[in-house]
Structures are given as C-alpha cells and as structure tokens.
Protein backbone atom coordinates (compact mmCIF):
# COMPACT_ATOMS: atom_id res chain seq x y z
CA MET A 1 -19.91 24.77 16.13
CA ALA A 2 -19.89 21.47 14.31
CA GLY A 3 -16.68 19.49 14.46
CA LYS A 4 -14.51 18.85 11.45
CA GLN A 5 -15.86 16.07 9.29
CA ARG A 6 -13.90 12.87 9.58
CA SER A 7 -13.41 11.64 6.01
CA PHE A 8 -10.73 10.46 3.61
CA THR A 9 -10.27 9.41 -0.02
CA VAL A 10 -9.29 5.97 -1.32
CA PHE A 11 -7.82 5.68 -4.83
CA THR A 12 -7.54 2.24 -6.43
CA ILE A 13 -7.46 0.36 -9.73
CA ALA A 14 -9.40 -2.87 -10.24
CA THR A 15 -9.39 -4.10 -13.82
CA GLY A 16 -10.23 -7.60 -15.01
CA LYS A 17 -10.61 -10.18 -12.24
CA TYR A 18 -9.43 -7.68 -9.62
CA ILE A 19 -12.93 -6.26 -9.51
CA HIS A 20 -13.84 -9.30 -7.39
CA TYR A 21 -11.21 -8.36 -4.83
CA PHE A 22 -12.50 -4.79 -4.85
CA GLU A 23 -15.99 -6.08 -4.03
CA ASP A 24 -14.62 -7.42 -0.75
CA LEU A 25 -12.62 -4.24 -0.13
CA TYR A 26 -15.71 -2.10 -0.70
CA TYR A 27 -17.56 -4.17 1.89
CA ASP A 28 -14.69 -3.58 4.34
CA LEU A 29 -14.72 0.16 3.66
CA SER A 30 -18.44 0.28 4.38
CA GLY A 31 -17.59 -1.16 7.79
CA CYS A 32 -15.26 1.80 8.38
CA LEU A 33 -18.27 4.09 8.50
CA ASP A 34 -18.67 3.18 12.15
CA PHE A 35 -15.52 5.26 12.74
CA VAL A 36 -15.67 8.03 10.10
CA ASP A 37 -18.37 10.27 8.68
CA SER A 38 -17.84 9.56 5.00
CA ILE A 39 -15.44 8.00 2.50
CA ASP A 40 -14.66 9.00 -1.08
CA ILE A 41 -13.54 6.21 -3.41
CA ILE A 42 -12.08 6.77 -6.86
CA LEU A 43 -12.17 3.48 -8.75
CA LEU A 44 -10.55 2.93 -12.14
CA THR A 45 -11.90 -0.18 -13.82
CA ASP A 46 -12.96 -1.80 -17.07
CA GLN A 47 -15.63 -3.85 -15.30
CA ASN A 48 -19.15 -3.21 -14.08
CA PHE A 49 -19.45 -2.74 -10.33
CA ILE A 50 -22.67 -2.20 -8.41
CA PRO A 51 -22.53 -2.23 -4.58
CA LYS A 52 -24.63 -4.89 -2.91
CA GLU A 53 -28.08 -3.84 -1.78
CA GLY A 54 -27.99 -1.88 1.47
CA ILE A 55 -24.31 -0.97 1.28
CA ALA A 56 -24.86 1.64 -1.44
CA GLU A 57 -27.14 3.64 0.87
CA ARG A 58 -24.34 4.32 3.32
CA PRO A 59 -22.24 7.54 3.03
CA ILE A 60 -19.66 6.29 0.54
CA ARG A 61 -19.15 8.44 -2.51
CA LEU A 62 -17.97 6.05 -5.23
CA ARG A 63 -16.82 7.51 -8.53
CA LYS A 64 -15.98 5.05 -11.30
CA PHE A 65 -13.86 5.86 -14.33
CA TYR A 66 -13.03 3.61 -17.23
CA ALA A 67 -9.44 2.43 -17.49
CA SER A 68 -7.73 -0.34 -19.43
CA TYR A 69 -4.07 -1.31 -19.57
CA ASP A 70 -1.79 -3.36 -21.76
CA GLY A 71 -1.14 -6.11 -19.22
CA TRP A 72 -1.09 -6.18 -15.42
CA ILE A 73 2.42 -4.68 -15.21
CA PHE A 74 1.21 -1.40 -16.66
CA ALA A 75 -1.90 -1.44 -14.51
CA THR A 76 0.38 -1.18 -11.49
CA LEU A 77 3.28 0.77 -13.01
CA MET A 78 1.12 3.63 -14.27
CA ARG A 79 -0.77 4.30 -11.03
CA TYR A 80 1.08 7.57 -10.38
CA ARG A 81 0.06 8.87 -13.81
CA GLU A 82 -3.53 7.83 -13.17
CA ILE A 83 -3.72 9.65 -9.84
CA LEU A 84 -2.49 12.81 -11.56
CA ARG A 85 -5.00 12.30 -14.38
CA PHE A 86 -7.81 12.46 -11.85
CA GLU A 87 -6.30 14.91 -9.37
CA ASN A 88 -9.22 17.32 -9.87
CA GLU A 89 -11.49 14.57 -8.52
CA LEU A 90 -9.58 14.39 -5.23
CA PRO A 91 -11.28 16.22 -2.34
CA ASP A 92 -9.11 18.33 -0.06
CA GLN A 93 -8.65 15.65 2.57
CA ASN A 94 -6.25 12.82 3.38
CA THR A 95 -5.81 10.49 0.42
CA ILE A 96 -4.52 6.94 0.37
CA TRP A 97 -3.59 4.55 -2.38
CA LEU A 98 -4.94 1.08 -1.56
CA ASP A 99 -4.42 -2.01 -3.72
CA ALA A 100 -7.73 -3.58 -4.68
CA ASP A 101 -6.68 -6.95 -3.25
CA MET A 102 -6.19 -5.67 0.30
CA ARG A 103 -8.64 -6.45 3.11
CA ILE A 104 -9.38 -4.28 6.11
CA VAL A 105 -9.36 -6.53 9.16
CA ASN A 106 -9.41 -3.83 11.84
CA PRO A 107 -11.39 -0.80 10.61
CA GLU A 108 -10.92 1.16 13.84
CA ILE A 109 -7.10 1.13 13.60
CA PHE A 110 -7.26 1.69 9.84
CA CYS A 111 -9.45 4.77 10.13
CA ARG A 112 -7.55 6.24 13.07
CA GLU A 113 -4.20 6.07 11.30
CA ILE A 114 -5.56 7.39 7.98
CA LEU A 115 -7.32 10.33 9.61
CA ASN A 116 -4.22 11.20 11.65
CA MET A 117 -1.86 11.47 8.65
CA LYS A 118 -0.17 14.87 8.51
CA HIS A 119 2.80 13.78 6.41
CA LEU A 120 3.42 11.27 3.65
CA THR A 121 2.98 7.96 5.42
CA PHE A 122 4.27 4.54 4.37
CA SER A 123 3.91 0.99 5.58
CA ARG A 124 6.82 -1.29 6.38
CA HIS A 125 6.78 -4.08 3.81
CA PRO A 126 5.20 -7.06 5.61
CA GLY A 127 7.41 -9.48 3.72
CA HIS A 128 10.47 -7.94 5.38
CA VAL A 129 9.36 -7.35 8.96
CA PHE A 130 11.35 -9.83 11.05
CA SER A 131 9.27 -11.63 13.66
CA PHE A 132 10.77 -13.55 16.57
CA ARG A 133 7.60 -15.60 16.65
CA LYS A 134 8.96 -17.46 13.64
CA HIS A 135 11.69 -18.89 15.84
CA SER A 136 9.73 -19.05 19.08
CA GLY A 137 11.33 -21.53 21.48
CA GLU A 138 14.35 -22.03 19.19
CA SER A 139 16.95 -19.58 20.48
CA TYR A 140 19.80 -21.15 18.52
CA LYS A 141 17.94 -20.43 15.27
CA ILE A 142 17.55 -16.79 16.28
CA LYS A 143 21.31 -16.53 16.86
CA ILE A 144 22.09 -18.16 13.52
CA PHE A 145 19.62 -15.87 11.74
CA LEU A 146 21.07 -12.73 13.32
CA ILE A 147 24.69 -13.71 12.59
CA ALA A 148 23.90 -14.60 8.99
CA SER A 149 21.91 -11.41 8.56
CA ILE A 150 24.73 -9.22 9.92
CA LEU A 151 27.33 -10.95 7.72
CA LYS A 152 25.17 -10.50 4.62
CA ARG A 153 24.76 -6.81 5.30
CA LEU A 154 28.47 -6.30 5.95
CA LEU A 155 29.35 -8.05 2.70
CA THR A 156 26.77 -6.26 0.56
CA GLY A 157 26.75 -2.89 2.30
CA GLN A 158 22.99 -3.24 2.65
CA PHE A 159 21.72 -2.78 6.17
CA PHE A 160 18.02 -3.34 5.59
CA SER A 161 16.52 -6.38 3.94
CA GLY A 162 14.42 -6.11 0.84
CA GLU A 163 14.21 -6.58 -2.89
CA TRP A 164 15.60 -3.54 -4.65
CA GLU A 165 16.11 -2.32 -8.19
CA GLU A 166 19.67 -3.40 -8.96
CA SER A 167 20.22 -1.75 -12.35
CA PRO A 168 21.65 1.79 -12.48
CA GLN A 169 19.81 2.04 -15.81
CA SER A 170 16.61 2.67 -13.86
CA THR A 171 15.68 5.89 -12.09
CA ALA A 172 14.46 3.58 -9.28
CA TYR A 173 18.01 2.35 -8.56
CA ILE A 174 19.22 2.98 -5.01
CA PRO A 175 22.93 2.50 -4.19
CA PRO A 176 23.30 -0.22 -1.51
CA LEU A 177 24.56 2.13 1.19
CA LYS A 178 21.49 4.35 0.75
CA ARG A 179 18.95 1.56 0.94
CA ARG A 180 16.67 1.93 3.89
CA ARG A 181 13.74 -0.05 5.20
CA LEU A 182 11.63 -1.40 2.33
CA VAL A 183 8.15 0.12 2.18
CA HIS A 184 5.01 -1.49 0.81
CA GLY A 185 3.55 -0.27 -2.47
CA ALA A 186 0.06 -1.54 -1.60
CA VAL A 187 -0.82 1.24 0.84
CA TRP A 188 0.55 4.73 1.33
CA GLY A 189 -0.93 8.19 1.64
CA GLY A 190 -0.84 11.73 2.91
CA THR A 191 -2.57 15.03 2.39
CA ARG A 192 -3.95 15.72 -1.07
CA ARG A 193 -1.10 18.14 -1.83
CA GLN A 194 1.60 15.72 -0.66
CA VAL A 195 0.17 12.84 -2.71
CA ILE A 196 0.02 14.95 -5.88
CA GLU A 197 3.58 16.23 -5.39
CA MET A 198 4.93 12.71 -4.90
CA CYS A 199 3.00 11.28 -7.85
CA THR A 200 4.27 14.07 -10.10
CA GLU A 201 7.88 13.16 -9.37
CA LEU A 202 7.29 9.41 -9.58
CA ASN A 203 5.38 9.69 -12.84
CA ASP A 204 8.33 11.58 -14.33
CA ALA A 205 10.67 8.82 -13.13
CA VAL A 206 8.51 6.06 -14.64
CA ASN A 207 8.32 7.93 -17.95
CA GLU A 208 12.09 8.34 -18.00
CA ASP A 209 12.51 4.59 -17.53
CA LEU A 210 10.03 3.87 -20.32
CA LYS A 211 11.99 6.18 -22.65
CA ARG A 212 14.97 3.93 -21.91
CA LYS A 213 12.71 0.91 -22.58
CA TYR A 214 13.22 -0.27 -19.03
CA VAL A 215 10.74 -1.36 -16.35
CA ALA A 216 11.89 -1.44 -12.73
CA VAL A 217 12.01 -4.89 -11.14
CA TRP A 218 9.08 -4.22 -8.78
CA HIS A 219 7.41 -1.63 -10.99
CA ASP A 220 5.65 1.09 -8.97
CA GLU A 221 7.03 -0.21 -5.65
CA SER A 222 10.65 0.17 -6.80
CA HIS A 223 10.03 3.81 -7.67
CA LEU A 224 8.19 4.39 -4.40
CA ASN A 225 11.17 3.07 -2.45
CA ARG A 226 13.55 5.30 -4.40
CA TYR A 227 11.44 8.32 -3.46
CA PHE A 228 11.20 7.17 0.16
CA SER A 229 14.95 6.53 0.55
CA ALA A 230 15.85 10.00 -0.71
CA ARG A 231 13.83 11.76 2.00
CA LYS A 232 15.19 11.00 5.41
CA HIS A 233 12.97 13.24 7.52
CA GLN A 234 9.96 13.88 5.30
CA TYR A 235 7.84 10.82 5.96
CA ARG A 236 6.12 8.81 8.67
CA TYR A 237 5.41 5.11 9.13
CA PHE A 238 2.09 3.53 9.83
CA SER A 239 2.30 1.39 12.97
CA ARG A 240 4.71 -1.55 12.80
CA TYR A 241 2.17 -4.27 12.04
CA PHE A 242 -0.27 -2.07 10.13
CA VAL A 243 -0.16 -4.51 7.19
CA GLY A 244 0.05 -8.25 7.74
CA ALA A 245 0.93 -10.69 4.99
CA ASP A 246 0.99 -14.04 6.76
CA SER A 247 0.75 -15.65 10.19
CA LEU A 248 4.14 -14.18 11.12
CA THR A 249 3.49 -10.52 10.37
CA PHE A 250 -0.25 -10.47 11.05
CA THR A 251 -0.77 -9.40 14.65
CA ARG A 252 -4.31 -9.70 15.94
CA GLY A 253 -5.37 -6.45 17.54
CA LYS A 254 -2.56 -4.46 15.86
CA SER A 255 -2.82 -5.17 12.14
CA ALA A 256 -5.33 -3.08 10.21
CA LEU A 257 -4.85 -4.57 6.76
CA TRP A 258 -4.31 -8.03 5.33
CA SER A 259 -2.31 -8.35 2.13
CA VAL A 260 -4.26 -11.08 0.37
CA ASP A 261 -2.35 -14.14 -0.72
CA LYS A 262 -4.52 -15.00 -3.68
CA LYS A 263 -3.42 -18.63 -3.46
CA LYS A 264 -4.66 -18.80 0.13
CA ILE A 265 -7.75 -16.62 -0.08
CA ASP A 266 -9.83 -19.13 1.87
CA LEU A 267 -7.44 -18.74 4.83
CA GLU A 268 -7.80 -14.97 4.61
CA LYS A 269 -11.59 -15.21 4.79
CA ASP A 270 -11.36 -17.49 7.82
CA LEU A 271 -9.13 -14.99 9.63
CA ARG A 272 -11.47 -12.10 8.91
CA THR A 273 -14.51 -13.89 10.31
CA ASP A 274 -12.50 -14.89 13.39
CA ILE A 275 -11.65 -11.29 14.33
C-alpha cells in the first residue's frame, strides 16, 4: 500500500513590488521538494509571475488569482477574508499562511514542522524572543535587563513583551493581564478546517473594527494575537527559533525561516548562501 502523500498548501499575497520577494520564496519552496512530494501554492497578485525555467517542471501546483488593494495596510489586514474567499481552492491538507517576503533557509526543518501540524500552530515573534547571546560575556547587563524587565511587567501587569493593541475600541484589544507571548503574523497554519474556522472569526473581527472606522495597530497580527490569547490550550508553537529576524534570533541549524529585513536584503542573501 502506498504511503500517505506528503504535501501541504501555502497561501500568500504578493501585490506590487512584493512579487519580487515571492520570486525568491518560490525558489525556496521548490527546494522543499527534496523533503515532500508536492506543494500547492495559492498566490493572490496583481502582477505577472512566471516561474524560472526548470523550476516550473517540478511538482508545485501554483494557482494565481488577481487581487488588488487600496494600500498596503489593506493587503495585509484583509488576508483572513481572502483565505475564506478562496477556501474552495484549498486541498484537504495542512495549510499555512506565509508572508511573501519570508525566505526558507532550512527546508528540511520547515517541511517537517509543517507536515507534523495537527493543531493550529503559531510562531513566537522573532522580535520578542530574548537571546542571551546579545549580552554574551556581559553578565551585569543580563542582570540589569532582567531586573528592568521584571519591574516593567509588575508596573504594567504585562508579563510577556510585545506590541499590543491598546485601544478597547478594537476587537483586537487584549487586557494587559491576559496578554501572552506575542506570535508572528508572517507564518501560522493548521489543518484546512482549523484555518478556515480561525479565519472566519478573525474576518468578522476585522469587519467589526472597520464598521467602527478603526484599524488595529498591527493590523492582521493584532487580531491574530487576540485570537491566540483567548485559547489557552488550543494551539501549538513551532520550534523556538523557527523564524529568525536578525543575528540574535537566527540560529543556524534551528531556524527554518528568515524574516527579511528589506533594508538589509543583501545580508539576508549572504546568510542563505552560507548555509
């Protein structure tokens, strides 16, 4: 009997100049085919995209749909609506949202963790993962950091660092005592059913905010964190350093994704070729 096919779906939006970032991401995903049987990609874009010669022949099923938004804020804010708009295009397999400007630096880890998802799975926000390497060899700075961090949390009632929606006017608002570890809006996923259920609730929340003529401070990510914080035992994390954002949170051999700093894209390319 043939084994179960190892495959997953990637959903992303790449309008305007972001199509150039997606070109790199598509190349990375083609490299994942050493570890999976096939990959489905649903791409929403207003640009022309043709895979480079040779890559298109590999088992990637790319489906492109036209999409245009009134500014970059809505391109990111309305992603939950867009996933629901194309839910009939989603195969019955694990599905991940992946920002177009992410790079896959370790395809083996990336594929293993995506294939193994059985619950909604989120990534710790790389901008808020404390690393002792930052203060390596400077123990007094570590002590000062920890003391200051504890005092801040005692004074604010917030026990995990992050940038949260502060206005109760938004459905994305989380009271300080209920704020948990900040998760990253650039990559998350689960089974097809779980993704659709989550997007249905988050789309309703975004629409409610828009009726109030309000946009959450970090757009889709603020709403994602509100959903995450309300469900204590209904989620999983990707591994601790699954997403790296800089030299402090990128861990060679452990990080699967690199969150591109578009101001330092040359550095990102150097790191990828060095792995």
